[in-house]
Protein backbone atom coordinates (compact mmCIF):
# COMPACT_ATOMS: atom_id res chain seq x y z
CA MET A 1 228.99 58.06 -17.83
CA LYS A 2 225.27 56.97 -17.84
CA LYS A 3 222.95 59.98 -17.10
CA LYS A 4 220.02 59.17 -14.95
CA LYS A 5 216.84 57.98 -16.12
CA GLN A 6 214.42 61.10 -15.75
CA ARG A 7 210.84 59.13 -14.61
CA ARG A 8 207.67 60.28 -17.19
CA PHE A 9 204.80 62.06 -15.47
CA GLY A 10 202.50 59.68 -17.37
CA LEU A 11 198.80 58.86 -17.42
CA GLY A 12 199.19 56.85 -14.02
CA SER A 13 201.21 59.93 -12.37
CA PHE A 14 198.48 62.40 -13.28
CA ILE A 15 195.37 59.87 -11.86
CA SER A 16 197.63 59.40 -8.56
CA VAL A 17 198.51 62.66 -8.00
CA THR A 18 194.55 63.88 -8.70
CA VAL A 19 193.47 61.07 -6.20
CA LEU A 20 196.16 62.70 -3.78
CA LEU A 21 195.13 65.93 -4.22
CA ILE A 22 191.42 65.77 -4.47
CA SER A 23 191.71 63.67 -0.69
CA ALA A 24 193.79 66.51 0.63
CA ALA A 25 191.04 68.99 0.16
CA VAL A 26 188.01 66.92 0.81
CA LEU A 27 190.48 66.70 4.39
CA LEU A 28 190.63 69.92 4.18
CA ILE A 29 187.28 70.95 3.82
CA SER A 30 186.73 68.94 6.42
CA TYR A 31 188.47 71.33 9.17
CA VAL A 32 186.68 74.04 7.80
CA SER A 33 182.99 73.02 8.51
CA ILE A 34 183.04 73.29 11.76
CA PHE A 35 182.81 77.24 11.62
CA ILE A 36 180.59 77.15 8.79
CA SER A 37 176.41 76.72 10.62
CA PRO A 38 174.73 73.86 8.54
CA SER A 39 171.41 76.17 8.25
CA ARG A 40 173.33 78.89 6.50
CA PHE A 41 175.58 76.75 3.91
CA TRP A 42 174.94 72.86 4.74
CA PRO A 43 177.37 71.35 2.28
CA PRO A 44 180.45 71.25 4.00
CA LEU A 45 178.55 69.16 7.35
CA PHE A 46 179.11 66.17 5.49
CA PHE A 47 183.04 66.63 5.35
CA GLY A 48 183.53 66.80 9.24
CA LEU A 49 180.58 64.03 9.67
CA TYR A 50 183.04 61.90 7.61
CA TYR A 51 186.22 63.31 9.56
CA ILE A 52 187.64 60.25 10.72
CA PRO A 53 187.20 57.83 7.36
CA ILE A 54 188.65 60.78 5.33
CA ALA A 55 191.34 61.48 7.90
CA PHE A 56 192.58 57.64 7.71
CA TRP A 57 192.06 57.56 4.18
CA ASN A 58 195.11 60.40 3.34
CA LEU A 59 196.92 58.64 6.33
CA PHE A 60 196.69 54.97 4.16
CA LEU A 61 197.54 56.90 0.66
CA MET A 62 200.69 58.93 2.48
CA ILE A 63 201.77 55.49 3.56
CA ILE A 64 201.52 53.85 -0.07
CA ALA A 65 203.80 57.17 -1.26
CA ILE A 66 206.40 56.81 1.27
CA ILE A 67 206.18 52.88 0.67
CA ARG A 68 207.17 53.67 -3.53
CA ARG A 69 209.12 56.55 -2.35
CA ARG A 70 207.89 59.17 -3.77
CA ARG A 71 207.85 62.69 -3.19
CA ARG A 72 203.60 63.35 -3.62
CA LEU A 73 203.60 62.08 0.17
CA LEU A 74 203.82 65.67 1.48
CA ILE A 75 200.65 65.95 -0.33
CA PRO A 76 198.31 63.91 2.37
CA LEU A 77 201.28 65.16 5.15
CA ASP A 78 200.39 68.52 4.98
CA ALA A 79 196.88 67.83 4.71
CA LEU A 80 197.14 65.70 7.90
CA LEU A 81 199.36 68.10 9.94
CA PRO A 82 196.36 69.91 11.09
CA SER A 83 194.83 67.02 12.66
CA LEU A 84 197.15 67.07 15.15
CA PHE A 85 194.87 69.97 16.99
CA PHE A 86 192.21 67.68 16.65
CA PHE A 87 193.25 64.44 17.45
CA ASP A 88 193.34 64.70 21.03
CA MET A 89 189.49 65.59 20.94
CA PHE A 90 188.94 61.90 20.29
CA VAL A 91 191.56 59.48 21.76
CA LYS A 92 193.48 61.23 24.82
CA VAL A 93 196.52 59.49 26.16
CA GLY A 94 197.69 60.35 29.98
CA ASN A 95 197.00 59.72 33.43
CA ASN A 96 193.12 59.74 34.72
CA ALA A 97 194.16 59.65 38.88
CA PRO A 98 193.42 63.17 40.57
CA ASP A 99 196.59 65.27 39.99
CA GLU A 100 196.50 66.75 43.53
CA GLU A 101 194.72 65.98 46.90
CA LYS A 102 192.30 69.00 47.23
CA GLU A 103 188.86 67.94 46.57
CA GLY A 104 186.74 68.91 43.54
CA ILE A 105 183.30 69.05 42.53
CA ARG A 106 182.02 66.08 40.85
CA ILE A 107 179.78 66.66 37.73
CA VAL A 108 177.96 63.78 35.65
CA THR A 109 176.17 64.31 32.58
CA TYR A 110 174.22 61.06 30.97
CA ASN A 111 171.41 60.15 28.10
CA VAL A 112 169.42 57.79 30.10
CA GLY A 113 167.04 56.76 27.29
CA ARG A 114 164.10 57.19 28.88
CA TYR A 115 164.94 54.35 30.22
CA SER A 116 164.09 51.94 27.00
CA LEU A 117 167.47 51.25 25.93
CA SER A 118 169.51 48.80 27.90
CA LYS A 119 172.33 46.97 26.15
CA ASP A 120 170.81 43.75 28.17
CA GLY A 121 166.91 44.58 27.32
CA LYS A 122 166.10 44.78 30.31
CA PRO A 123 162.79 46.44 31.29
CA LYS A 124 162.30 50.01 32.11
CA ARG A 125 161.44 49.85 35.63
CA GLU A 126 164.23 47.54 36.48
CA THR A 127 166.63 49.92 34.07
CA THR A 128 165.60 52.83 36.38
CA ALA A 129 166.51 51.01 39.56
CA GLU A 130 169.79 49.97 37.95
CA ILE A 131 170.52 53.92 36.80
CA ARG A 132 169.03 55.19 40.29
CA GLU A 133 172.00 52.91 42.23
CA TYR A 134 174.71 53.91 39.63
CA LEU A 135 174.19 57.79 40.11
CA LYS A 136 174.27 57.17 44.38
CA ARG A 137 177.46 55.27 43.36
CA CYS A 138 178.81 57.91 41.53
CA GLU A 139 178.41 60.53 44.13
CA ALA A 140 178.42 63.58 42.33
CA ASP A 141 177.22 66.84 43.31
CA ILE A 142 175.58 67.75 40.30
CA ILE A 143 173.41 65.44 38.05
CA CYS A 144 172.53 66.62 34.34
CA LEU A 145 170.34 63.59 32.80
CA GLN A 146 168.84 63.94 29.41
CA GLU A 147 165.81 61.83 28.20
CA VAL A 148 164.40 61.27 31.62
CA SER A 149 160.89 59.32 31.15
CA VAL A 150 158.00 61.22 33.29
CA LYS A 151 156.99 57.94 34.41
CA TYR A 152 159.87 56.72 36.65
CA LYS A 153 161.12 60.18 37.44
CA ASP A 154 160.31 60.22 41.21
CA SER A 155 162.96 57.19 41.46
CA ILE A 156 165.24 59.51 39.31
CA THR A 157 164.69 63.08 41.40
CA GLU A 158 164.20 61.90 44.63
CA LEU A 159 167.74 60.52 44.66
CA PRO A 160 168.94 61.43 48.47
CA ASN A 161 171.49 64.40 49.10
CA TYR A 162 170.37 66.10 46.32
CA PRO A 163 167.87 68.87 47.84
CA TYR A 164 167.90 71.15 44.73
CA LEU A 165 165.96 70.20 41.79
CA HIS A 166 165.31 71.89 38.36
CA SER A 167 163.57 70.07 35.21
CA HIS A 168 161.46 70.32 32.41
CA PHE A 169 159.74 67.63 30.50
CA PHE A 170 157.72 67.58 27.21
CA ASN A 171 155.60 65.69 25.95
CA ASP A 172 155.99 63.01 22.67
CA THR A 173 153.18 60.66 21.84
CA GLY A 174 151.84 60.35 25.40
CA SER A 175 155.59 59.38 26.74
CA SER A 176 156.34 62.73 29.14
CA PHE A 177 160.34 63.24 28.99
CA GLY A 178 162.82 66.01 29.29
CA ASN A 179 166.03 67.15 30.95
CA VAL A 180 166.67 66.89 35.05
CA ILE A 181 169.91 69.00 36.70
CA LEU A 182 170.10 67.46 40.73
CA SER A 183 172.42 69.64 42.56
CA LYS A 184 173.98 69.80 46.31
CA PHE A 185 174.32 73.28 45.84
CA PRO A 186 171.65 75.87 45.90
CA ILE A 187 169.78 76.96 43.18
CA ARG A 188 169.51 80.34 43.24
CA GLY A 189 167.76 81.19 39.84
CA ASP A 190 166.80 78.58 36.78
CA GLY A 191 165.27 78.56 33.23
CA LYS A 192 164.83 77.07 30.27
CA ILE A 193 165.38 77.03 26.13
CA THR A 194 163.07 75.64 24.07
CA PHE A 195 163.75 75.27 20.10
CA LYS A 196 160.95 75.51 17.76
CA ASN A 197 159.26 71.96 16.26
CA SER A 198 161.56 70.28 18.68
CA THR A 199 161.43 68.03 22.23
CA ASN A 200 165.03 68.67 22.23
CA LEU A 201 165.39 71.56 25.12
CA ALA A 202 168.08 72.76 27.32
CA ILE A 203 167.74 73.72 30.72
CA TRP A 204 169.63 76.66 32.86
CA ALA A 205 170.39 76.64 37.20
CA ASP A 206 172.32 79.26 38.80
CA LEU A 207 174.44 77.69 41.30
CA ARG A 208 175.90 79.10 44.29
CA ILE A 209 178.97 77.65 45.21
CA GLY A 210 181.05 78.74 48.17
CA ARG A 211 180.50 82.42 47.74
CA GLY A 212 180.43 82.68 44.07
CA THR A 213 177.54 81.63 41.43
CA VAL A 214 177.81 79.27 38.06
CA ARG A 215 175.39 79.22 35.36
CA LEU A 216 174.89 75.32 34.16
CA TYR A 217 173.62 74.55 31.31
CA ASN A 218 172.44 70.75 30.45
CA CYS A 219 171.64 70.40 27.09
CA HIS A 220 169.75 68.01 24.85
CA LEU A 221 170.58 69.17 21.11
CA GLU A 222 168.67 67.87 18.22
CA SER A 223 169.21 63.89 17.55
CA TYR A 224 169.64 62.36 14.15
CA SER A 225 166.29 60.15 15.27
CA ILE A 226 167.83 57.43 13.20
CA SER A 227 168.62 53.60 14.51
CA PHE A 228 172.52 53.47 13.25
CA THR A 229 171.77 48.98 13.54
CA SER A 230 169.18 49.60 10.87
CA ILE A 231 170.71 52.18 8.72
CA ILE A 232 173.99 49.76 8.53
CA LYS A 233 171.16 46.49 7.52
CA ARG A 234 169.36 48.66 5.17
CA LEU A 235 172.95 49.88 3.40
CA PHE A 236 174.17 46.19 3.38
CA ASN A 237 171.04 45.85 1.11
CA LYS A 238 172.30 45.98 -2.77
CA ASP A 239 168.68 46.27 -4.10
CA THR A 240 167.98 49.77 -1.83
CA PHE A 241 171.21 50.92 -1.25
CA SER A 242 171.31 53.97 -3.14
CA ASP A 243 167.63 55.02 -2.30
CA GLU A 244 169.00 54.17 1.17
CA PHE A 245 171.94 56.69 1.01
CA ILE A 246 170.15 59.86 -0.27
CA SER A 247 167.43 59.19 2.55
CA LEU A 248 169.51 58.90 5.13
CA HIS A 249 171.73 62.07 3.93
CA GLY A 250 168.68 63.99 3.43
CA HIS A 251 167.93 63.19 7.28
CA LEU A 252 171.48 63.91 8.51
CA LYS A 253 170.88 66.98 6.69
CA GLU A 254 168.06 68.25 8.27
CA SER A 255 168.96 67.40 11.63
CA ASN A 256 172.15 69.68 11.91
CA ILE A 257 170.37 72.22 10.08
CA LYS A 258 168.12 71.79 12.96
CA ARG A 259 170.83 71.55 15.47
CA ALA A 260 172.96 74.66 14.69
CA GLU A 261 169.83 76.55 15.05
CA GLN A 262 169.69 75.38 18.72
CA VAL A 263 173.10 75.97 19.43
CA ASP A 264 172.96 79.17 18.31
CA CYS A 265 170.20 79.90 20.68
CA VAL A 266 172.04 78.41 23.54
CA VAL A 267 175.39 80.43 22.51
CA SER A 268 173.18 83.76 22.68
CA SER A 269 172.09 82.41 26.49
CA ILE A 270 175.65 81.70 27.23
CA ASN A 271 176.83 85.65 25.51
CA GLU A 272 174.05 87.47 27.78
CA CYS A 273 174.95 85.90 31.19
CA LYS A 274 177.17 87.85 33.44
CA MET A 275 178.43 85.03 35.52
CA GLU A 276 180.61 82.09 34.50
CA THR A 277 179.32 78.90 32.41
CA ILE A 278 179.28 75.44 32.49
CA VAL A 279 177.99 73.33 29.31
CA CYS A 280 177.17 70.00 29.50
CA GLY A 281 174.39 67.13 28.30
CA ASP A 282 174.20 65.68 24.78
CA PHE A 283 175.17 67.76 22.29
CA ASN A 284 174.33 64.91 19.44
CA ASP A 285 177.38 65.97 17.46
CA THR A 286 181.03 64.88 16.74
CA PRO A 287 183.86 67.81 18.38
CA MET A 288 184.50 67.78 14.03
CA SER A 289 180.88 69.88 14.21
CA TYR A 290 180.02 73.44 14.52
CA THR A 291 178.07 72.75 17.80
CA TYR A 292 180.64 71.74 19.04
CA HIS A 293 182.86 74.61 18.13
CA GLN A 294 180.50 77.01 19.16
CA LEU A 295 179.66 75.73 22.37
CA GLN A 296 183.22 74.91 23.00
CA LYS A 297 184.08 79.13 22.53
CA GLN A 298 185.39 80.53 25.90
CA HIS A 299 185.34 76.68 27.63
CA LYS A 300 187.84 73.96 28.31
CA ASP A 301 186.52 70.24 27.15
CA CYS A 302 187.18 68.49 30.43
CA PHE A 303 188.17 64.76 28.24
CA VAL A 304 190.92 66.87 26.09
CA GLU A 305 192.16 68.00 29.74
CA ALA A 306 192.54 65.30 31.51
CA GLY A 307 190.85 62.26 29.77
CA ASN A 308 191.77 58.76 28.79
CA GLY A 309 191.69 56.96 25.77
CA PHE A 310 188.97 56.63 23.60
CA GLY A 311 186.13 59.52 23.82
CA GLY A 312 183.30 57.73 22.36
CA THR A 313 180.28 58.01 24.87
CA TYR A 314 177.78 56.71 22.28
CA SER A 315 177.86 52.82 23.04
CA ARG A 316 176.06 51.56 19.87
CA LEU A 317 179.04 52.38 17.92
CA TRP A 318 181.76 52.83 20.33
CA PRO A 319 184.40 54.24 20.07
CA ALA A 320 183.04 56.13 16.86
CA LEU A 321 181.01 58.77 18.30
CA ARG A 322 181.78 61.16 20.60
CA LEU A 323 178.38 63.51 21.64
CA ASP A 324 178.22 63.97 25.07
CA TYR A 325 180.38 66.67 26.94
CA ILE A 326 181.30 68.56 29.92
CA LEU A 327 182.91 72.24 29.41
CA ILE A 328 183.98 74.28 31.74
CA PRO A 329 185.44 78.14 31.70
CA GLU A 330 189.19 78.73 30.78
CA GLU A 331 189.64 79.51 34.86
CA TYR A 332 188.36 75.96 35.93
CA ARG A 333 191.05 73.19 36.58
CA THR A 334 189.63 69.60 35.24
CA ILE A 335 191.24 67.00 38.14
CA TYR A 336 189.78 63.80 36.95
CA HIS A 337 187.64 62.60 34.04
CA LYS A 338 186.18 59.49 33.04
CA ILE A 339 183.76 57.71 30.25
CA GLU A 340 181.92 54.72 32.39
CA ARG A 341 180.81 51.95 30.40
CA VAL A 342 177.86 50.80 31.64
CA PRO A 343 174.96 49.12 29.82
CA TYR A 344 172.04 51.22 31.25
CA SER A 345 171.53 53.41 28.05
CA ASP A 346 172.87 53.79 24.63
CA HIS A 347 174.75 56.52 26.06
CA TYR A 348 177.41 56.49 28.93
CA PRO A 349 177.83 58.70 31.11
CA VAL A 350 180.04 61.15 31.22
CA LEU A 351 181.85 61.92 34.61
CA THR A 352 184.34 64.68 36.06
CA GLU A 353 185.77 66.69 38.44
CA ILE A 354 186.69 70.36 38.51
CA ILE A 355 187.87 73.23 40.49
CA LEU A 356 186.86 76.28 40.48
CA ASP A 357 189.78 78.40 40.56
């Protein structure tokens, strides 16, 4: 009777297992990175930033192991299992139709890019008019805008049917811009949270809705302040690739550290608030981030609850980047959620309808 040949664990097998273990470890670090503030310890932030390519790389390694019928497929498989809990923050398969006849409260959040980032290259005045018409069509009860240019702000802030307004504008190289909240509900109190050495901010308004009062935060957190188009061109230049790569990640590190400090300020305000809070706006960060994890605490993500398809909101790299959110208290329900792919800015507006239970 012939004995089965035992597979020898040679150099090739050693290298293969090592690659699998390192890849799995990198993916596990990306999961943990959402709990670590970049302002206290920054290296893990890059693992969260590259979560999607890291996850796909582990999936590729698992498929190769399956084809070769190797038991080592369990290494990437085990590493990928936690991704099941994160998948629906990026892509959601469901029904976008309202699930009941009861009319909810409609909220839209939109970074309008100072009216200068139209995908069609249209001038500011024309883009402003198009955004104004879009917002009128939305028929939202609450509108939250970021990067509103003061030069044409009246076109936006004087929309009909919105008697209540709260805004704050910064001055940046002679061009003032800021955040705006427009509401059909009475504003009983308002305020702002400004950040050190930054023109980003969060504003809040206490809205009287029915018999209760809800605090709404409209956030615009630290951006990367870089052109992704120019980055791609520069990174594909062989002569300067290494320098550009180092420079880019240095910039990403600094912006993430500043954003972590900013989100801590917003969370502190939320924790001090005695009423229910809705948090929305341009967080300038992905769901696999400390920013999202902190703001999502004690809140539900409207996209996760009622969205459909890809969650990407940054038009220049759609569907890769989801940066804009609407988060509601655990007691509320989302009956409708849509990311509107209109060409008026580098961000897409997010529209949701909620019920205050």
